[in-house]
Amino acid sequence: MPAKKYDKSNVLLMRIVAMYYRMNQRSKACNFKNLISIEDFIEFGINSEKYKKLYQFWKDNGKQFKYTPSIDRIDTNKGYEKGNLQFLTVSENVSKSNEEIYDIRHRNLRKRVKLISLIDGHELIFKSETDASNYLKYSDIGTVATLIRNGRKAREYIPFYLDINDNLTVTINQINQINNLINPRSPKFVKVIVEKDNIKLEFNSISEASFYIKVSNSCVCRALKYNKKIKGFWVQKIQNPKLKEIQEKIQNLINKEKVY
């Protein structure tokens, strides 16, 4: 429903509508399924005594950010769907998230990790998340756990846990995100040729090329799109020749492994 149809004088309603649009953006970014409809969410918020209490508490305490009402997923393995939502203050929401991350770090601290390269498909195995995080130069040892939990890539790798039989254990979020992770339009799958004075240099990504030329990634993208020089350099891109092989390899592993 268009925002103009809502009663803008109803501050409580408009905050619920704004919360829904932010929730919708996060849902798209994380590729969550079964997003609650805006009509159902408005009804849920308007009829929620807890939301009204949180809203009043926020107003009575000078509208401090930490007391702002926010939406939380009860089961973090599911999306923003009907029956999986509750209202918490921002402070409570952050604390809950930190506790979940802490649990993941310590529960999986000694789980072995396999990294599969999105560049050439090579594999690396580590005895623990800590070793994997150190190899990837993450400052926080819980980063790899969080990335696996949310179905995200780690640098240029897709991370997986290994069970005691050396089989991958694949999360639902990884299944949902896998097509995005191996998207052929991703800069990670583009080799960039930089040419100047009859000298050609090849880079594995737009980021590497932009770092060499000393410009932003967007500048290189525009130069590629409009076929223009950038700081005296010609740039062109070619598809990573191993892309199809990597896609098939990862998809085959995903299809045959246990999902949890």
Protein backbone atom coordinates (compact mmCIF):
# COMPACT_ATOMS: atom_id res chain seq x y z
CA MET A 1 0.00 0.00 0.00
CA PRO A 2 1.39 3.44 -0.88
CA ALA A 3 2.56 5.48 2.08
CA LYS A 4 0.32 8.42 1.03
CA LYS A 5 -2.77 6.38 1.99
CA TYR A 6 -1.75 6.24 5.64
CA ASP A 7 -2.86 8.75 8.24
CA LYS A 8 0.37 10.70 8.72
CA SER A 9 -0.99 12.34 11.85
CA ASN A 10 -0.95 8.93 13.55
CA VAL A 11 2.67 8.84 14.72
CA LEU A 12 2.40 5.33 16.15
CA LEU A 13 1.11 3.98 12.82
CA MET A 14 3.74 5.79 10.75
CA ARG A 15 6.55 4.40 12.91
CA ILE A 16 5.20 0.89 12.30
CA VAL A 17 5.06 1.56 8.53
CA ALA A 18 8.64 2.88 8.54
CA MET A 19 9.74 -0.16 10.55
CA TYR A 20 8.16 -2.43 7.94
CA TYR A 21 10.03 -0.82 5.03
CA ARG A 22 13.36 -1.15 6.88
CA MET A 23 12.46 -4.76 7.65
CA ASN A 24 11.62 -5.33 3.98
CA GLN A 25 15.05 -4.02 2.93
CA ARG A 26 16.85 -6.30 5.39
CA SER A 27 14.72 -9.23 4.22
CA LYS A 28 15.74 -8.62 0.59
CA ALA A 29 19.40 -8.18 1.51
CA CYS A 30 19.43 -11.49 3.41
CA ASN A 31 17.19 -13.27 0.90
CA PHE A 32 14.66 -14.24 3.57
CA LYS A 33 11.47 -15.95 2.44
CA ASN A 34 7.80 -15.56 3.49
CA LEU A 35 7.96 -11.88 4.45
CA ILE A 36 4.88 -10.83 6.42
CA SER A 37 2.54 -8.54 4.44
CA ILE A 38 2.43 -4.87 5.37
CA GLU A 39 -1.26 -5.16 6.26
CA ASP A 40 -0.61 -8.04 8.67
CA PHE A 41 2.40 -6.24 10.16
CA ILE A 42 0.41 -3.06 10.77
CA GLU A 43 -2.33 -5.09 12.44
CA PHE A 44 0.30 -6.92 14.51
CA GLY A 45 1.90 -3.65 15.63
CA ILE A 46 -1.29 -1.70 16.32
CA ASN A 47 -2.72 -4.56 18.41
CA SER A 48 0.52 -5.25 20.28
CA GLU A 49 0.32 -4.07 23.90
CA LYS A 50 4.06 -4.62 24.22
CA TYR A 51 4.79 -2.28 21.30
CA LYS A 52 2.58 0.42 22.85
CA LYS A 53 4.38 0.06 26.20
CA LEU A 54 7.81 0.20 24.53
CA TYR A 55 6.77 3.25 22.52
CA GLN A 56 5.53 5.07 25.63
CA PHE A 57 8.65 4.08 27.58
CA TRP A 58 10.82 5.46 24.75
CA LYS A 59 8.92 8.77 24.82
CA ASP A 60 9.01 9.02 28.61
CA ASN A 61 12.81 8.55 28.60
CA GLY A 62 13.64 11.35 26.23
CA LYS A 63 13.47 9.23 23.05
CA GLN A 64 16.90 7.75 23.70
CA PHE A 65 18.05 5.53 20.84
CA LYS A 66 18.70 2.51 23.08
CA TYR A 67 15.04 2.49 24.12
CA THR A 68 13.68 2.74 20.56
CA PRO A 69 11.17 -0.03 19.75
CA SER A 70 12.55 -2.45 17.15
CA ILE A 71 11.47 -5.68 15.48
CA ASP A 72 13.20 -8.98 16.27
CA ARG A 73 13.09 -12.44 14.72
CA ILE A 74 12.33 -14.97 17.46
CA ASP A 75 13.96 -17.81 15.49
CA THR A 76 16.96 -16.35 13.68
CA ASN A 77 17.00 -19.26 11.22
CA LYS A 78 13.72 -17.94 9.81
CA GLY A 79 12.91 -14.64 8.16
CA TYR A 80 10.51 -11.84 9.03
CA GLU A 81 7.46 -14.04 8.75
CA LYS A 82 4.15 -14.15 10.55
CA GLY A 83 4.48 -15.74 13.98
CA ASN A 84 8.26 -15.20 14.15
CA LEU A 85 8.25 -11.55 15.23
CA GLN A 86 8.43 -9.75 18.53
CA PHE A 87 9.07 -6.18 19.65
CA LEU A 88 12.17 -5.34 21.69
CA THR A 89 14.06 -2.17 22.46
CA VAL A 90 17.19 -1.59 20.37
CA SER A 91 19.27 -2.31 23.47
CA GLU A 92 17.51 -5.65 24.08
CA ASN A 93 17.78 -6.57 20.41
CA VAL A 94 21.53 -5.92 20.33
CA SER A 95 22.05 -7.89 23.57
CA LYS A 96 20.09 -10.85 22.17
CA SER A 97 22.16 -10.76 18.97
CA ASN A 98 25.42 -10.62 20.93
CA GLU A 99 24.37 -13.60 23.06
CA GLU A 100 23.56 -15.62 19.92
CA ILE A 101 26.92 -14.76 18.36
CA TYR A 102 28.69 -15.68 21.62
CA ASP A 103 26.90 -19.04 21.64
CA ILE A 104 27.88 -19.68 18.03
CA ARG A 105 31.52 -18.80 18.67
CA HIS A 106 31.86 -21.13 21.64
CA ARG A 107 29.63 -23.92 20.37
CA ASN A 108 31.50 -24.13 17.08
CA LEU A 109 34.93 -23.08 18.28
CA ARG A 110 36.49 -26.43 17.47
CA LYS A 111 34.46 -27.25 14.40
CA ARG A 112 36.59 -27.75 11.34
CA VAL A 113 36.00 -25.35 8.48
CA LYS A 114 36.32 -25.85 4.74
CA LEU A 115 36.76 -22.83 2.46
CA ILE A 116 35.95 -23.15 -1.25
CA SER A 117 37.44 -20.44 -3.46
CA LEU A 118 35.10 -18.44 -5.67
CA ILE A 119 38.04 -17.56 -7.90
CA ASP A 120 39.46 -20.92 -8.95
CA GLY A 121 37.59 -23.49 -6.85
CA HIS A 122 40.50 -24.60 -4.68
CA GLU A 123 39.72 -25.83 -1.16
CA LEU A 124 41.29 -25.15 2.22
CA ILE A 125 40.56 -27.02 5.46
CA PHE A 126 41.18 -25.61 8.94
CA LYS A 127 41.03 -27.28 12.33
CA SER A 128 38.86 -24.53 13.80
CA GLU A 129 37.05 -21.28 13.07
CA THR A 130 39.88 -19.46 14.77
CA ASP A 131 42.41 -20.79 12.26
CA ALA A 132 40.07 -19.94 9.37
CA SER A 133 39.47 -16.42 10.72
CA ASN A 134 43.19 -15.85 11.20
CA TYR A 135 43.94 -17.04 7.65
CA LEU A 136 41.32 -14.65 6.27
CA LYS A 137 42.75 -11.88 8.49
CA TYR A 138 39.57 -11.25 10.44
CA SER A 139 40.17 -9.60 13.80
CA ASP A 140 37.21 -11.37 15.42
CA ILE A 141 37.32 -15.17 15.73
CA GLY A 142 33.50 -15.28 15.60
CA THR A 143 33.33 -13.74 12.12
CA VAL A 144 33.50 -17.01 10.22
CA ALA A 145 30.75 -18.52 12.41
CA THR A 146 28.51 -15.52 11.76
CA LEU A 147 29.16 -15.65 8.00
CA ILE A 148 28.32 -19.37 7.86
CA ARG A 149 25.19 -18.82 9.92
CA ASN A 150 23.97 -16.04 7.62
CA GLY A 151 24.95 -17.75 4.38
CA ARG A 152 27.57 -15.13 3.49
CA LYS A 153 30.90 -15.47 1.73
CA ALA A 154 34.18 -14.93 3.56
CA ARG A 155 36.42 -12.77 1.39
CA GLU A 156 36.63 -14.72 -1.88
CA TYR A 157 35.60 -18.03 -0.27
CA ILE A 158 32.38 -19.81 0.66
CA PRO A 159 32.84 -21.25 4.19
CA PHE A 160 31.33 -24.53 5.39
CA TYR A 161 31.57 -26.62 8.54
CA LEU A 162 32.82 -30.21 8.29
CA ASP A 163 31.35 -33.03 10.34
CA ILE A 164 33.38 -35.89 11.82
CA ASN A 165 33.18 -37.77 8.51
CA ASP A 166 34.55 -34.83 6.52
CA ASN A 167 31.15 -34.10 4.99
CA LEU A 168 29.91 -30.55 4.62
CA THR A 169 27.13 -29.36 6.90
CA VAL A 170 25.11 -26.77 5.05
CA THR A 171 22.83 -24.18 6.65
CA ILE A 172 19.42 -23.20 5.32
CA ASN A 173 20.70 -19.65 4.83
CA GLN A 174 23.55 -20.95 2.69
CA ILE A 175 21.04 -22.78 0.51
CA ASN A 176 19.03 -19.57 0.14
CA GLN A 177 22.11 -17.48 -0.65
CA ILE A 178 24.06 -19.88 -2.85
CA ASN A 179 22.79 -18.48 -6.15
CA ASN A 180 23.83 -14.98 -5.09
CA LEU A 181 27.23 -16.19 -3.92
CA ILE A 182 28.05 -17.73 -7.30
CA ASN A 183 26.38 -15.03 -9.38
CA PRO A 184 28.35 -14.76 -12.65
CA ARG A 185 27.95 -10.96 -12.60
CA SER A 186 29.84 -10.71 -9.34
CA PRO A 187 33.11 -8.74 -9.63
CA LYS A 188 34.82 -11.75 -8.09
CA PHE A 189 34.15 -13.65 -11.32
CA VAL A 190 35.52 -10.94 -13.58
CA LYS A 191 39.09 -10.81 -14.79
CA VAL A 192 40.12 -7.27 -15.68
CA ILE A 193 42.69 -6.49 -18.35
CA VAL A 194 44.48 -3.16 -17.89
CA GLU A 195 46.42 -1.87 -20.90
CA LYS A 196 48.77 1.11 -21.26
CA ASP A 197 51.67 1.68 -23.65
CA ASN A 198 51.21 -1.81 -25.16
CA ILE A 199 51.64 -3.41 -21.72
CA LYS A 200 48.80 -5.63 -20.52
CA LEU A 201 48.19 -6.59 -16.90
CA GLU A 202 45.53 -9.06 -15.73
CA PHE A 203 43.68 -8.78 -12.41
CA ASN A 204 41.29 -11.22 -10.76
CA SER A 205 38.72 -8.61 -9.79
CA ILE A 206 37.58 -5.03 -10.29
CA SER A 207 38.86 -4.23 -6.80
CA GLU A 208 42.40 -5.34 -7.66
CA ALA A 209 42.37 -3.31 -10.88
CA SER A 210 41.05 -0.18 -9.17
CA PHE A 211 43.70 -0.50 -6.44
CA TYR A 212 46.43 -0.69 -9.11
CA ILE A 213 45.09 2.33 -11.03
CA LYS A 214 44.43 4.13 -7.73
CA VAL A 215 40.76 4.91 -8.35
CA SER A 216 37.49 3.72 -6.84
CA ASN A 217 35.71 0.54 -7.93
CA SER A 218 32.87 2.63 -9.38
CA CYS A 219 35.33 4.49 -11.65
CA VAL A 220 36.54 1.20 -13.14
CA CYS A 221 32.94 0.00 -13.52
CA ARG A 222 32.01 3.17 -15.43
CA ALA A 223 35.09 2.86 -17.65
CA LEU A 224 34.11 -0.74 -18.45
CA LYS A 225 30.49 0.21 -19.12
CA TYR A 226 31.21 3.14 -21.44
CA ASN A 227 34.46 1.82 -22.92
CA LYS A 228 36.45 4.85 -21.83
CA LYS A 229 40.00 5.41 -20.68
CA ILE A 230 40.68 5.98 -17.02
CA LYS A 231 43.90 7.79 -16.07
CA GLY A 232 45.37 6.78 -19.42
CA PHE A 233 44.48 3.10 -18.98
CA TRP A 234 42.18 1.04 -21.16
CA VAL A 235 40.25 -1.56 -19.19
CA GLN A 236 38.29 -4.55 -20.38
CA LYS A 237 36.76 -7.53 -18.59
CA ILE A 238 36.56 -11.20 -19.42
CA GLN A 239 34.53 -13.92 -17.73
CA ASN A 240 36.40 -16.13 -15.30
CA PRO A 241 36.92 -19.29 -17.41
CA LYS A 242 36.54 -21.50 -14.34
CA LEU A 243 33.16 -20.04 -13.35
CA LYS A 244 31.01 -22.86 -14.70
CA GLU A 245 33.27 -25.47 -13.12
CA ILE A 246 33.11 -23.70 -9.73
CA GLN A 247 29.31 -23.36 -9.95
CA GLU A 248 28.85 -27.05 -10.69
CA LYS A 249 31.28 -28.09 -7.97
CA ILE A 250 29.62 -26.02 -5.25
CA GLN A 251 26.09 -26.92 -6.37
CA ASN A 252 26.91 -30.64 -6.39
CA LEU A 253 28.34 -30.40 -2.88
CA ILE A 254 25.27 -28.51 -1.68
CA ASN A 255 22.85 -31.00 -3.26
CA LYS A 256 24.31 -34.09 -1.67
CA GLU A 257 25.12 -32.83 1.82
CA LYS A 258 23.12 -32.70 5.04
CA VAL A 259 21.24 -29.47 5.68
CA TYR A 260 20.69 -28.19 9.21
